[in-house]
């Protein structure tokens, strides 16, 4: 594919202000895309990222705040994207919540939050975006997790939700074909959780990873770039980016 294959195309990225999402935004913008970056509570980080990207190319990044548990606000994200840039080529369902829910303590509120952000929001965003993506023969990238296939102890709701993302990816790929491709990336140890995680636990995870190291947000961003720009005959697939950990869990 030519280097400018993505120039002036438009991407909507949820949870794009920080961590992996921010790096994905950076690399897609570097490739020439215009971005709509969704955030919920990370306004400072979102504005800093917008300023950084606008120094590269002015007026190419729109920020939209929204609660992804609200279907009305989900639809508004797509409406604002079309209102600003008149097209949509790429939806990246990156936003996620992640925290332990041991079976004996798990609550309905936690279920609604984890399933809502990880499965409900991507479904209804895809629904709202589908007509526009069909027009541009665009694509959707979902953020899965290696624990969507092999559960993480004490995270039963999160693991269940990410299993839902795996099936959602395959389902949407069938529903939206042939105009729209749908794939997912399943990270392993890329960035450690922001909650406390002791060094022994980190080293244990790395020791179980065949490549014996943790990954980097660049690894996810480049996998997404491949799926968006170079993988025209790939749909309905989940690509693990985990240093091989998914084969030995």
Protein backbone atom coordinates (compact mmCIF):
# COMPACT_ATOMS: atom_id res chain seq x y z
CA UNK A 1 0.00 0.00 0.00
CA UNK A 2 1.22 3.57 -0.65
CA UNK A 3 2.46 5.52 2.33
CA UNK A 4 -0.40 8.03 1.97
CA UNK A 5 -3.18 5.42 1.79
CA UNK A 6 -4.86 6.85 4.91
CA UNK A 7 -4.46 10.55 4.12
CA UNK A 8 -7.58 12.56 5.05
CA UNK A 9 -9.52 9.47 6.09
CA UNK A 10 -11.39 9.77 9.38
CA UNK A 11 -11.09 7.61 12.50
CA UNK A 12 -13.21 7.62 15.64
CA UNK A 13 -11.29 6.20 18.62
CA UNK A 14 -12.90 5.63 22.00
CA UNK A 15 -10.76 6.07 25.09
CA UNK A 16 -8.09 7.62 22.90
CA UNK A 17 -6.65 10.21 25.28
CA UNK A 18 -4.27 8.03 27.28
CA UNK A 19 -2.11 4.93 27.37
CA UNK A 20 -2.48 2.60 24.36
CA UNK A 21 -5.27 4.71 22.87
CA UNK A 22 -3.05 7.79 22.73
CA UNK A 23 -0.30 5.92 20.89
CA UNK A 24 -2.83 4.54 18.41
CA UNK A 25 -4.07 8.08 17.78
CA UNK A 26 -0.52 9.32 17.26
CA UNK A 27 0.43 6.69 14.70
CA UNK A 28 -2.81 7.01 12.71
CA UNK A 29 -2.50 10.80 12.67
CA UNK A 30 1.10 10.40 11.52
CA UNK A 31 -0.24 8.36 8.61
CA UNK A 32 -2.47 11.27 7.54
CA UNK A 33 -5.78 10.46 9.21
CA UNK A 34 -8.12 12.97 10.80
CA UNK A 35 -9.27 11.90 14.24
CA UNK A 36 -12.22 12.11 16.57
CA UNK A 37 -10.89 11.22 20.00
CA UNK A 38 -13.44 10.20 22.60
CA UNK A 39 -12.67 10.57 26.30
CA UNK A 40 -14.70 10.35 29.49
CA UNK A 41 -12.79 11.81 32.43
CA UNK A 42 -9.30 12.41 30.97
CA UNK A 43 -9.91 15.93 29.68
CA UNK A 44 -6.42 17.22 30.46
CA UNK A 45 -4.73 14.34 28.67
CA UNK A 46 -7.13 14.66 25.73
CA UNK A 47 -6.41 18.37 25.27
CA UNK A 48 -2.67 17.81 25.56
CA UNK A 49 -2.82 15.11 22.89
CA UNK A 50 -4.93 17.30 20.62
CA UNK A 51 -2.44 20.15 20.95
CA UNK A 52 0.47 17.83 20.16
CA UNK A 53 -1.23 16.47 17.04
CA UNK A 54 -2.34 19.91 15.89
CA UNK A 55 1.29 21.02 15.93
CA UNK A 56 1.82 18.38 13.27
CA UNK A 57 -1.36 19.21 11.26
CA UNK A 58 -3.79 21.91 12.44
CA UNK A 59 -7.55 21.35 12.67
CA UNK A 60 -7.40 17.58 12.18
CA UNK A 61 -8.41 16.38 15.66
CA UNK A 62 -11.79 16.73 17.34
CA UNK A 63 -12.33 15.86 21.01
CA UNK A 64 -15.68 14.48 22.16
CA UNK A 65 -16.54 13.68 25.75
CA UNK A 66 -19.10 10.98 26.49
CA UNK A 67 -20.32 8.25 28.81
CA UNK A 68 -20.22 5.01 26.85
CA UNK A 69 -22.85 3.44 29.08
CA UNK A 70 -25.43 5.75 27.45
CA UNK A 71 -26.66 4.64 24.04
CA UNK A 72 -27.80 8.20 23.25
CA UNK A 73 -24.28 9.52 23.88
CA UNK A 74 -22.80 6.66 21.88
CA UNK A 75 -24.88 7.72 18.88
CA UNK A 76 -23.86 11.32 19.46
CA UNK A 77 -20.18 10.36 18.99
CA UNK A 78 -20.92 9.20 15.46
CA UNK A 79 -23.12 12.22 14.72
CA UNK A 80 -20.39 14.63 15.84
CA UNK A 81 -17.84 12.79 13.72
CA UNK A 82 -19.96 13.12 10.60
CA UNK A 83 -20.83 16.71 11.45
CA UNK A 84 -17.16 17.64 11.73
CA UNK A 85 -15.55 15.65 8.92
CA UNK A 86 -18.46 14.46 6.72
CA UNK A 87 -17.25 10.87 6.64
CA UNK A 88 -16.12 7.93 8.77
CA UNK A 89 -13.58 5.36 7.63
CA UNK A 90 -12.49 3.68 10.85
CA UNK A 91 -14.03 2.93 14.25
CA UNK A 92 -11.67 1.76 16.99
CA UNK A 93 -13.44 0.46 20.09
CA UNK A 94 -10.53 0.97 22.46
CA UNK A 95 -12.22 2.19 25.67
CA UNK A 96 -12.40 -0.40 28.42
CA UNK A 97 -12.77 -0.84 32.14
CA UNK A 98 -10.65 -3.39 33.98
CA UNK A 99 -10.69 -4.36 37.65
CA UNK A 100 -11.09 -7.54 39.71
CA UNK A 101 -14.53 -8.91 40.60
CA UNK A 102 -14.03 -12.06 42.70
CA UNK A 103 -17.10 -14.25 42.34
CA UNK A 104 -18.16 -14.00 45.97
CA UNK A 105 -18.04 -10.17 45.94
CA UNK A 106 -19.14 -9.27 42.39
CA UNK A 107 -22.06 -6.86 42.11
CA UNK A 108 -24.68 -6.04 39.50
CA UNK A 109 -23.20 -2.55 39.15
CA UNK A 110 -19.80 -4.02 38.30
CA UNK A 111 -21.43 -6.31 35.74
CA UNK A 112 -23.22 -3.38 34.09
CA UNK A 113 -20.01 -1.32 34.02
CA UNK A 114 -17.64 -3.99 32.69
CA UNK A 115 -20.05 -5.51 30.19
CA UNK A 116 -21.34 -2.06 29.28
CA UNK A 117 -18.00 -0.52 28.37
CA UNK A 118 -16.46 -3.64 26.85
CA UNK A 119 -19.40 -5.12 24.89
CA UNK A 120 -22.47 -2.88 24.89
CA UNK A 121 -20.65 0.27 23.78
CA UNK A 122 -18.80 -1.39 20.86
CA UNK A 123 -22.04 -3.01 19.67
CA UNK A 124 -24.07 0.20 19.62
CA UNK A 125 -21.19 2.23 18.21
CA UNK A 126 -20.92 -0.27 15.37
CA UNK A 127 -24.66 -0.02 14.84
CA UNK A 128 -24.53 3.77 14.63
CA UNK A 129 -21.39 3.83 12.50
CA UNK A 130 -22.39 1.07 10.06
CA UNK A 131 -24.14 3.20 7.40
CA UNK A 132 -21.20 5.60 7.22
CA UNK A 133 -18.59 2.84 7.19
CA UNK A 134 -20.45 1.10 4.38
CA UNK A 135 -20.27 4.28 2.32
CA UNK A 136 -16.49 4.47 2.68
CA UNK A 137 -15.85 0.69 2.72
CA UNK A 138 -14.22 1.27 6.09
CA UNK A 139 -13.40 -0.99 8.97
CA UNK A 140 -13.81 -1.58 12.70
CA UNK A 141 -11.08 -2.60 15.13
CA UNK A 142 -12.11 -3.90 18.55
CA UNK A 143 -9.84 -4.17 21.56
CA UNK A 144 -10.09 -7.74 22.82
CA UNK A 145 -7.80 -9.41 25.37
CA UNK A 146 -5.98 -12.72 25.61
CA UNK A 147 -8.15 -13.34 28.69
CA UNK A 148 -11.22 -13.32 26.47
CA UNK A 149 -10.27 -16.89 25.61
CA UNK A 150 -8.39 -17.94 28.76
CA UNK A 151 -9.91 -16.42 31.89
CA UNK A 152 -7.95 -14.39 34.40
CA UNK A 153 -8.52 -15.51 37.99
CA UNK A 154 -10.55 -13.05 40.08
CA UNK A 155 -11.65 -11.23 36.92
CA UNK A 156 -14.67 -13.33 35.88
CA UNK A 157 -16.82 -10.43 34.65
CA UNK A 158 -13.99 -8.78 32.72
CA UNK A 159 -12.95 -12.09 31.14
CA UNK A 160 -16.56 -12.81 30.19
CA UNK A 161 -16.91 -9.34 28.68
CA UNK A 162 -13.77 -9.75 26.58
CA UNK A 163 -15.01 -13.14 25.40
CA UNK A 164 -18.03 -11.20 24.24
CA UNK A 165 -15.75 -8.86 22.28
CA UNK A 166 -14.25 -11.86 20.49
CA UNK A 167 -17.68 -13.07 19.39
CA UNK A 168 -18.85 -9.53 18.64
CA UNK A 169 -15.91 -9.14 16.25
CA UNK A 170 -16.85 -12.30 14.36
CA UNK A 171 -20.56 -11.44 14.37
CA UNK A 172 -20.04 -7.91 13.09
CA UNK A 173 -17.69 -9.21 10.41
CA UNK A 174 -20.54 -11.33 9.04
CA UNK A 175 -23.21 -8.68 9.49
CA UNK A 176 -21.26 -5.89 7.80
CA UNK A 177 -19.58 -7.82 4.97
CA UNK A 178 -18.72 -7.26 2.21
CA UNK A 179 -18.38 -3.49 2.59
CA UNK A 180 -16.91 -3.29 6.10
CA UNK A 181 -14.10 -5.37 7.60
CA UNK A 182 -14.10 -6.06 11.36
CA UNK A 183 -11.11 -7.36 13.31
CA UNK A 184 -9.72 -7.21 16.83
CA UNK A 185 -6.39 -7.00 18.60
CA UNK A 186 -5.87 -8.95 21.82
CA UNK A 187 -3.05 -7.45 23.92
CA UNK A 188 -1.05 -9.32 26.50
CA UNK A 189 1.23 -7.52 28.96
CA UNK A 190 1.62 -4.17 27.24
CA UNK A 191 1.09 -1.58 29.96
CA UNK A 192 0.71 -2.64 33.57
CA UNK A 193 -2.63 -1.79 35.24
CA UNK A 194 -2.66 1.57 36.99
CA UNK A 195 -3.78 -0.12 40.20
CA UNK A 196 -1.01 -1.55 42.36
CA UNK A 197 0.72 -4.57 40.90
CA UNK A 198 3.77 -5.78 42.77
CA UNK A 199 7.06 -6.57 41.04
CA UNK A 200 6.84 -10.29 41.83
CA UNK A 201 3.53 -10.53 39.97
CA UNK A 202 4.94 -8.63 37.01
CA UNK A 203 7.97 -10.91 36.83
CA UNK A 204 5.74 -13.98 37.08
CA UNK A 205 3.72 -12.78 34.10
CA UNK A 206 6.86 -12.06 32.07
CA UNK A 207 8.32 -15.47 32.95
CA UNK A 208 5.21 -17.10 31.42
CA UNK A 209 5.65 -15.13 28.20
CA UNK A 210 7.72 -16.97 25.57
CA UNK A 211 9.45 -13.74 24.46
CA UNK A 212 10.35 -13.04 28.14
CA UNK A 213 9.44 -9.36 28.06
CA UNK A 214 6.46 -7.07 28.26
CA UNK A 215 5.24 -5.26 25.17
CA UNK A 216 4.90 -1.62 24.26
CA UNK A 217 1.93 0.49 23.06
CA UNK A 218 3.74 0.69 19.71
CA UNK A 219 3.18 -3.05 19.30
CA UNK A 220 -0.59 -2.56 19.50
CA UNK A 221 -0.60 0.60 17.38
CA UNK A 222 1.36 -1.07 14.57
CA UNK A 223 -0.86 -4.15 14.64
CA UNK A 224 -3.88 -1.87 14.27
CA UNK A 225 -2.19 0.04 11.45
CA UNK A 226 -1.58 -3.25 9.65
CA UNK A 227 -5.22 -4.30 10.00
CA UNK A 228 -6.48 -0.93 8.83
CA UNK A 229 -4.06 -0.17 5.99
CA UNK A 230 -2.60 -3.43 4.73
CA UNK A 231 -5.05 -6.24 5.50
CA UNK A 232 -7.74 -5.84 2.89
CA UNK A 233 -8.51 -9.57 2.80
CA UNK A 234 -8.69 -10.10 6.58
CA UNK A 235 -11.95 -9.89 8.51
CA UNK A 236 -13.47 -11.57 11.56
CA UNK A 237 -10.07 -12.25 13.12
CA UNK A 238 -8.58 -11.63 16.56
CA UNK A 239 -4.82 -10.98 16.46
CA UNK A 240 -3.01 -11.69 19.77
CA UNK A 241 -0.20 -9.22 20.46
CA UNK A 242 1.14 -10.84 23.58
CA UNK A 243 4.69 -12.12 23.10
CA UNK A 244 3.28 -15.63 22.77
CA UNK A 245 1.63 -15.69 26.18
CA UNK A 246 -1.72 -16.80 24.77
CA UNK A 247 -0.21 -20.15 23.71
CA UNK A 248 1.09 -21.05 27.16
CA UNK A 249 -1.52 -19.62 29.57
